[in-house]
Amino acid sequence: MKRLALLLPLVLALLSPLFLSAKKEEVQKKKIVLIAGSRSHASGEHEFRAGCMLLAKALNEQSGLNVEAVVVGKDWKKDKSVLDNADAIFIFADGTSGIGGEWEYLDGLAKKGVGMTFMHYAVHPNPAQGKKYYQPWIGGAMESGWSVNPHWVADMKVMKDHEVGNGVPETITCLDEFYYNMRFLDDRKEVLDLVTATPTRENMHKYINLWNQHGVEGLNKEQTLMWGYERPNGGRGVGFTGGHYHHGWALDGFRTVVLNAIVWTAGLEVPEGGVKSNSLTEEDLNANLDEYGKGKRHLKLPDPADWKKLKPARVDEKREAGFKK
């Protein structure tokens, strides 16, 4: 009996690492579902699937985080079980096509605390949908007649006292179709300004269909390009207006801030140095691009210095004079 009493602590000491290892394995991975829209626009633009594949690879193979990222198409509703146990959902698609009409189903997930990130065109519902769903889910949305969608060279500034800014440089210069003047919650202070930039006449590259008086009035004023929202009843949401051009993913800071945002909405702590991902090669940037036949482009790694040399877009004074009427 005395010998048994002496052996017992030794046996427990030998077995404890096994118990700890088993306990560690029991910690479930955070599941992140990335919903990619169908092909649209032109090669190198609205590359929803390629962008989602790139992010999923970074999360699964490079981040070192306990996550499982799954990419699905906008027809995900044919098998809703893919979202049933999701901790976070990322939608990158034309308008609300990624929702697929499943408003109440997604609303139920949001009310359970599932995180949500909507990127680029996916932040643009109609006004009623924006008020009823987007504002409670992510704090705001784009609204036709209110928001604008010019292409411009933004010097993006990230909120440094928030973990979404971890590991992100002070300034990220990117040419994109950055929408601005979103329709946010009435209680504006509840919405976090995660990424901001200031549009000017000098950094405008192209004024397009939704340009309006609010766009003119927003020039030379700091605008929110990525916002965050912590829902009162649990769960987090993010909207980001960038992502029109696929070249943005080759910018380490651009890629990192989006990965940070996704991880934040999943309820994980963003690493101090940001979510790890490998810098892209030209081959990486061109992987999984949509097929356009002879119209398919081969993308080069971008140099932000080239964007700084672009001439300002011509101002259509006649069109803008009509805004005031």
Protein backbone atom coordinates (compact mmCIF):
# COMPACT_ATOMS: atom_id res chain seq x y z
CA MET A 1 0.00 0.00 0.00
CA LYS A 2 2.84 2.33 0.85
CA ARG A 3 4.50 1.58 -2.49
CA LEU A 4 1.20 2.35 -4.30
CA ALA A 5 0.94 5.67 -2.49
CA LEU A 6 4.43 6.57 -3.72
CA LEU A 7 3.72 5.51 -7.32
CA LEU A 8 0.41 7.33 -7.64
CA PRO A 9 1.88 10.89 -7.83
CA LEU A 10 4.41 9.68 -10.40
CA VAL A 11 1.69 8.12 -12.58
CA LEU A 12 -0.42 11.27 -12.36
CA ALA A 13 2.56 13.42 -13.31
CA LEU A 14 3.20 11.25 -16.36
CA LEU A 15 -0.43 11.30 -17.43
CA SER A 16 -1.14 15.00 -16.85
CA PRO A 17 0.38 16.14 -20.18
CA LEU A 18 -1.94 13.69 -21.94
CA PHE A 19 -4.95 15.10 -20.10
CA LEU A 20 -3.89 18.64 -20.93
CA SER A 21 -3.38 17.72 -24.57
CA ALA A 22 -6.81 16.11 -24.74
CA LYS A 23 -8.36 19.18 -23.12
CA LYS A 24 -6.65 21.40 -25.67
CA GLU A 25 -8.03 19.27 -28.52
CA GLU A 26 -11.52 19.71 -27.07
CA VAL A 27 -11.39 23.46 -27.74
CA GLN A 28 -13.46 23.85 -30.88
CA LYS A 29 -12.23 25.79 -33.82
CA LYS A 30 -14.01 29.01 -34.70
CA LYS A 31 -15.84 28.43 -37.98
CA ILE A 32 -15.81 31.26 -40.50
CA VAL A 33 -17.93 30.97 -43.64
CA LEU A 34 -16.99 33.18 -46.58
CA ILE A 35 -19.81 33.69 -49.10
CA ALA A 36 -18.50 34.58 -52.57
CA GLY A 37 -20.67 36.14 -55.23
CA SER A 38 -20.70 35.22 -58.91
CA ARG A 39 -18.57 36.76 -61.65
CA SER A 40 -19.36 40.39 -62.53
CA HIS A 41 -17.79 43.54 -63.98
CA ALA A 42 -14.44 42.80 -65.69
CA SER A 43 -11.38 40.69 -65.05
CA GLY A 44 -9.52 41.90 -61.97
CA GLU A 45 -12.63 43.60 -60.60
CA HIS A 46 -15.25 42.11 -58.27
CA GLU A 47 -13.17 38.94 -58.01
CA PHE A 48 -15.33 37.69 -55.17
CA ARG A 49 -14.36 34.03 -55.27
CA ALA A 50 -10.62 34.66 -55.69
CA GLY A 51 -10.68 37.15 -52.81
CA CYS A 52 -12.51 34.73 -50.53
CA MET A 53 -10.17 31.87 -51.46
CA LEU A 54 -7.18 34.04 -50.69
CA LEU A 55 -8.55 35.01 -47.27
CA ALA A 56 -9.53 31.44 -46.42
CA LYS A 57 -6.04 30.19 -47.28
CA ALA A 58 -4.50 32.82 -45.03
CA LEU A 59 -6.82 31.95 -42.15
CA ASN A 60 -6.46 28.17 -42.48
CA GLU A 61 -2.79 27.82 -43.40
CA GLN A 62 -0.93 30.94 -42.33
CA SER A 63 -2.64 32.65 -39.39
CA GLY A 64 -1.77 30.06 -36.75
CA LEU A 65 -5.21 30.64 -35.24
CA ASN A 66 -7.68 27.97 -34.16
CA VAL A 67 -10.08 28.67 -37.02
CA GLU A 68 -11.71 26.84 -39.90
CA ALA A 69 -12.53 28.98 -42.93
CA VAL A 70 -14.93 27.62 -45.55
CA VAL A 71 -15.73 29.25 -48.92
CA VAL A 72 -19.19 28.80 -50.43
CA GLY A 73 -21.04 30.38 -53.34
CA LYS A 74 -24.13 32.57 -53.21
CA ASP A 75 -26.26 29.42 -53.60
CA TRP A 76 -25.35 28.39 -50.04
CA LYS A 77 -29.05 28.38 -49.11
CA LYS A 78 -29.42 25.03 -50.89
CA ASP A 79 -27.71 23.58 -47.83
CA LYS A 80 -28.11 25.98 -44.92
CA SER A 81 -26.33 23.58 -42.58
CA VAL A 82 -23.03 25.14 -43.70
CA LEU A 83 -23.98 28.24 -41.68
CA ASP A 84 -25.72 26.55 -38.76
CA ASN A 85 -22.56 26.33 -36.65
CA ALA A 86 -20.75 29.38 -38.03
CA ASP A 87 -19.14 31.80 -35.60
CA ALA A 88 -18.72 34.45 -38.28
CA ILE A 89 -19.95 35.08 -41.82
CA PHE A 90 -18.12 37.13 -44.47
CA ILE A 91 -20.11 38.23 -47.54
CA PHE A 92 -18.33 39.51 -50.67
CA ALA A 93 -20.84 39.72 -53.51
CA ASP A 94 -22.93 41.99 -55.72
CA GLY A 95 -25.51 43.82 -53.60
CA THR A 96 -27.55 41.47 -51.46
CA SER A 97 -27.08 38.44 -53.77
CA GLY A 98 -24.95 36.76 -51.09
CA ILE A 99 -27.93 36.84 -48.73
CA GLY A 100 -30.03 35.01 -51.28
CA GLY A 101 -33.32 36.23 -49.85
CA GLU A 102 -32.62 34.48 -46.54
CA TRP A 103 -33.11 37.63 -44.48
CA GLU A 104 -34.92 36.07 -41.53
CA TYR A 105 -32.55 33.12 -41.35
CA LEU A 106 -29.51 35.40 -41.20
CA ASP A 107 -31.31 37.68 -38.77
CA GLY A 108 -31.76 34.68 -36.50
CA LEU A 109 -28.04 33.93 -36.68
CA ALA A 110 -27.20 37.55 -35.88
CA LYS A 111 -29.47 37.43 -32.85
CA LYS A 112 -27.57 34.33 -31.68
CA GLY A 113 -24.36 36.38 -31.77
CA VAL A 114 -22.89 35.22 -35.09
CA GLY A 115 -20.40 37.79 -36.38
CA MET A 116 -20.86 39.35 -39.81
CA THR A 117 -18.60 41.20 -42.24
CA PHE A 118 -19.95 42.71 -45.47
CA MET A 119 -17.43 43.85 -48.07
CA HIS A 120 -17.65 46.29 -50.98
CA TYR A 121 -20.88 45.98 -53.03
CA ALA A 122 -22.29 43.65 -50.35
CA VAL A 123 -22.77 46.69 -48.08
CA HIS A 124 -25.46 48.01 -50.46
CA PRO A 125 -29.03 46.89 -49.68
CA ASN A 126 -32.12 48.97 -50.41
CA PRO A 127 -33.03 51.59 -47.75
CA ALA A 128 -35.65 49.41 -46.05
CA GLN A 129 -33.30 46.42 -45.81
CA GLY A 130 -30.56 48.68 -44.56
CA LYS A 131 -32.73 49.99 -41.74
CA LYS A 132 -34.29 46.66 -40.75
CA TYR A 133 -31.29 44.34 -41.09
CA TYR A 134 -27.94 45.95 -41.87
CA GLN A 135 -28.04 48.55 -39.12
CA PRO A 136 -28.81 45.99 -36.37
CA TRP A 137 -26.31 43.53 -37.86
CA ILE A 138 -23.31 45.75 -38.67
CA GLY A 139 -24.28 49.30 -37.71
CA GLY A 140 -24.81 50.81 -41.15
CA ALA A 141 -25.05 50.39 -44.91
CA MET A 142 -24.67 52.13 -48.23
CA GLU A 143 -27.79 53.92 -49.49
CA SER A 144 -28.49 55.09 -53.03
CA GLY A 145 -29.11 58.85 -53.20
CA TRP A 146 -27.20 59.30 -49.95
CA SER A 147 -23.90 57.44 -50.35
CA VAL A 148 -21.41 57.80 -53.22
CA ASN A 149 -19.08 55.39 -55.02
CA PRO A 150 -16.15 57.21 -56.68
CA HIS A 151 -12.84 55.53 -57.50
CA TRP A 152 -10.06 57.29 -55.61
CA VAL A 153 -6.61 56.89 -54.14
CA ALA A 154 -7.15 56.76 -50.40
CA ASP A 155 -4.53 57.08 -47.67
CA MET A 156 -6.29 54.75 -45.27
CA LYS A 157 -5.86 55.43 -41.55
CA VAL A 158 -6.66 52.61 -39.12
CA MET A 159 -8.00 53.10 -35.59
CA LYS A 160 -4.87 52.28 -33.61
CA ASP A 161 -6.49 51.90 -30.20
CA HIS A 162 -8.65 49.05 -31.50
CA GLU A 163 -7.44 45.49 -32.08
CA VAL A 164 -8.56 45.56 -35.72
CA GLY A 165 -5.63 47.92 -36.22
CA ASN A 166 -3.09 45.47 -34.78
CA GLY A 167 -0.08 44.98 -37.04
CA VAL A 168 -1.36 47.42 -39.63
CA PRO A 169 0.84 50.31 -40.84
CA GLU A 170 -0.10 53.88 -40.01
CA THR A 171 -1.15 54.54 -43.62
CA ILE A 172 -2.28 52.18 -46.40
CA THR A 173 -2.44 53.78 -49.83
CA CYS A 174 -4.86 52.08 -52.20
CA LEU A 175 -6.76 52.84 -55.40
CA ASP A 176 -10.28 51.48 -55.00
CA GLU A 177 -13.95 52.25 -55.41
CA PHE A 178 -14.27 53.36 -51.82
CA TYR A 179 -17.87 54.25 -51.09
CA TYR A 180 -18.48 56.89 -48.44
CA ASN A 181 -21.24 58.73 -46.56
CA MET A 182 -22.89 55.57 -45.28
CA ARG A 183 -26.29 55.50 -43.57
CA PHE A 184 -25.35 54.66 -40.02
CA LEU A 185 -27.37 54.04 -36.88
CA ASP A 186 -29.04 57.14 -35.47
CA ASP A 187 -26.82 56.76 -32.40
CA ARG A 188 -23.67 57.34 -34.41
CA LYS A 189 -21.31 57.02 -31.46
CA GLU A 190 -22.18 53.32 -31.26
CA VAL A 191 -20.45 52.74 -34.61
CA LEU A 192 -16.66 52.46 -34.63
CA ASP A 193 -14.65 54.26 -37.32
CA LEU A 194 -12.14 51.45 -37.91
CA VAL A 195 -10.64 52.78 -41.17
CA THR A 196 -10.94 56.35 -42.44
CA ALA A 197 -9.58 58.43 -45.32
CA THR A 198 -10.15 61.88 -46.79
CA PRO A 199 -11.39 62.26 -50.39
CA THR A 200 -10.23 65.33 -52.28
CA ARG A 201 -10.46 66.62 -55.83
CA GLU A 202 -6.78 65.75 -56.21
CA ASN A 203 -7.06 62.07 -55.23
CA MET A 204 -10.23 61.38 -57.23
CA HIS A 205 -9.65 58.95 -60.09
CA LYS A 206 -13.21 58.57 -61.44
CA TYR A 207 -16.67 59.92 -60.59
CA ILE A 208 -19.32 57.39 -61.55
CA ASN A 209 -23.06 56.68 -61.42
CA LEU A 210 -23.90 57.42 -57.77
CA TRP A 211 -21.95 60.67 -57.46
CA ASN A 212 -24.18 63.29 -55.79
CA GLN A 213 -24.23 66.42 -53.66
CA HIS A 214 -23.31 64.44 -50.54
CA GLY A 215 -20.16 63.31 -52.29
CA VAL A 216 -19.22 66.89 -53.11
CA GLU A 217 -19.94 68.02 -49.56
CA GLY A 218 -17.85 65.13 -48.21
CA LEU A 219 -14.70 66.22 -50.01
CA ASN A 220 -11.83 67.29 -47.73
CA LYS A 221 -13.59 65.66 -44.78
CA GLU A 222 -12.57 62.43 -43.11
CA GLN A 223 -14.82 59.57 -44.23
CA THR A 224 -15.37 56.13 -42.75
CA LEU A 225 -14.40 53.28 -45.08
CA MET A 226 -14.55 50.42 -42.56
CA TRP A 227 -16.79 50.50 -39.54
CA GLY A 228 -17.46 48.14 -36.64
CA TYR A 229 -20.41 47.53 -34.39
CA GLU A 230 -20.86 45.58 -31.17
CA ARG A 231 -24.48 44.56 -30.92
CA PRO A 232 -26.16 45.26 -27.55
CA ASN A 233 -27.30 41.64 -27.27
CA GLY A 234 -24.02 40.09 -28.40
CA GLY A 235 -22.18 39.63 -31.64
CA ARG A 236 -20.09 41.93 -33.81
CA GLY A 237 -20.44 43.35 -37.29
CA VAL A 238 -18.15 45.07 -39.77
CA GLY A 239 -18.72 46.83 -43.09
CA PHE A 240 -15.90 47.69 -45.48
CA THR A 241 -16.46 49.61 -48.72
CA GLY A 242 -13.18 48.66 -50.43
CA GLY A 243 -12.55 45.59 -52.56
CA HIS A 244 -13.58 46.57 -56.08
CA TYR A 245 -10.10 45.88 -57.46
CA HIS A 246 -8.44 42.56 -56.72
CA HIS A 247 -5.04 44.29 -56.53
CA GLY A 248 -5.77 45.48 -52.97
CA TRP A 249 -5.09 42.03 -51.54
CA ALA A 250 -1.43 42.36 -52.53
CA LEU A 251 -1.07 45.23 -50.05
CA ASP A 252 -0.05 43.66 -46.73
CA GLY A 253 -1.83 46.31 -44.66
CA PHE A 254 -5.07 46.09 -46.67
CA ARG A 255 -5.12 42.29 -46.37
CA THR A 256 -4.25 42.33 -42.68
CA VAL A 257 -6.93 44.81 -41.64
CA VAL A 258 -9.60 42.70 -43.37
CA LEU A 259 -8.32 39.49 -41.77
CA ASN A 260 -8.24 41.27 -38.39
CA ALA A 261 -11.84 42.39 -38.87
CA ILE A 262 -13.03 38.88 -39.74
CA VAL A 263 -11.29 37.38 -36.72
CA TRP A 264 -12.70 40.13 -34.48
CA THR A 265 -16.25 39.39 -35.64
CA ALA A 266 -15.66 35.70 -34.87
CA GLY A 267 -15.13 36.66 -31.23
CA LEU A 268 -11.41 35.90 -31.18
CA GLU A 269 -8.71 38.16 -29.83
CA VAL A 270 -6.73 39.67 -32.70
CA PRO A 271 -3.01 38.90 -32.24
CA GLU A 272 -0.88 41.85 -31.20
CA GLY A 273 0.94 41.81 -34.54
CA GLY A 274 -2.25 41.30 -36.50
CA VAL A 275 -3.48 38.12 -38.19
CA LYS A 276 -0.51 36.57 -39.95
CA SER A 277 -0.56 36.02 -43.71
CA ASN A 278 2.12 35.64 -46.34
CA SER A 279 2.91 38.48 -48.70
CA LEU A 280 1.49 37.68 -52.11
CA THR A 281 3.48 36.70 -55.16
CA GLU A 282 2.21 37.53 -58.65
CA GLU A 283 1.13 33.90 -58.89
CA ASP A 284 -0.85 34.19 -55.66
CA LEU A 285 -2.59 37.33 -56.89
CA ASN A 286 -3.70 35.62 -60.10
CA ALA A 287 -4.88 32.39 -58.46
CA ASN A 288 -8.58 31.51 -58.81
CA LEU A 289 -9.50 34.56 -60.92
CA ASP A 290 -12.80 34.32 -62.78
CA GLU A 291 -12.68 33.14 -66.39
CA TYR A 292 -13.22 35.80 -69.06
CA GLY A 293 -11.73 34.03 -72.06
CA LYS A 294 -9.59 36.47 -74.04
CA GLY A 295 -10.70 39.23 -71.67
CA LYS A 296 -9.00 37.65 -68.67
CA ARG A 297 -6.22 39.86 -67.35
CA HIS A 298 -2.92 38.86 -65.81
CA LEU A 299 -2.51 41.10 -62.78
CA LYS A 300 0.80 42.63 -61.78
CA LEU A 301 1.72 43.35 -58.18
CA PRO A 302 0.71 46.97 -57.57
CA ASP A 303 2.98 49.86 -56.62
CA PRO A 304 1.06 52.53 -54.64
CA ALA A 305 3.56 55.13 -55.86
CA ASP A 306 2.09 54.72 -59.35
CA TRP A 307 -1.38 55.57 -58.07
CA LYS A 308 -0.06 58.78 -56.56
CA LYS A 309 0.99 59.89 -60.05
CA LEU A 310 -2.51 59.59 -61.53
CA LYS A 311 -4.07 62.82 -62.76
CA PRO A 312 -7.23 63.96 -60.94
CA ALA A 313 -10.53 63.06 -62.59
CA ARG A 314 -12.20 65.75 -64.66
CA VAL A 315 -15.01 67.49 -62.77
CA ASP A 316 -18.33 67.60 -64.64
CA GLU A 317 -19.34 71.06 -63.48
CA LYS A 318 -22.65 70.96 -65.34
CA ARG A 319 -23.63 67.72 -63.63
CA GLU A 320 -22.63 69.00 -60.21
CA ALA A 321 -24.50 72.27 -60.74
CA GLY A 322 -27.62 70.17 -61.16
CA PHE A 323 -27.13 68.66 -57.70
CA LYS A 324 -27.91 72.00 -56.08
CA LYS A 325 -31.25 72.20 -57.88
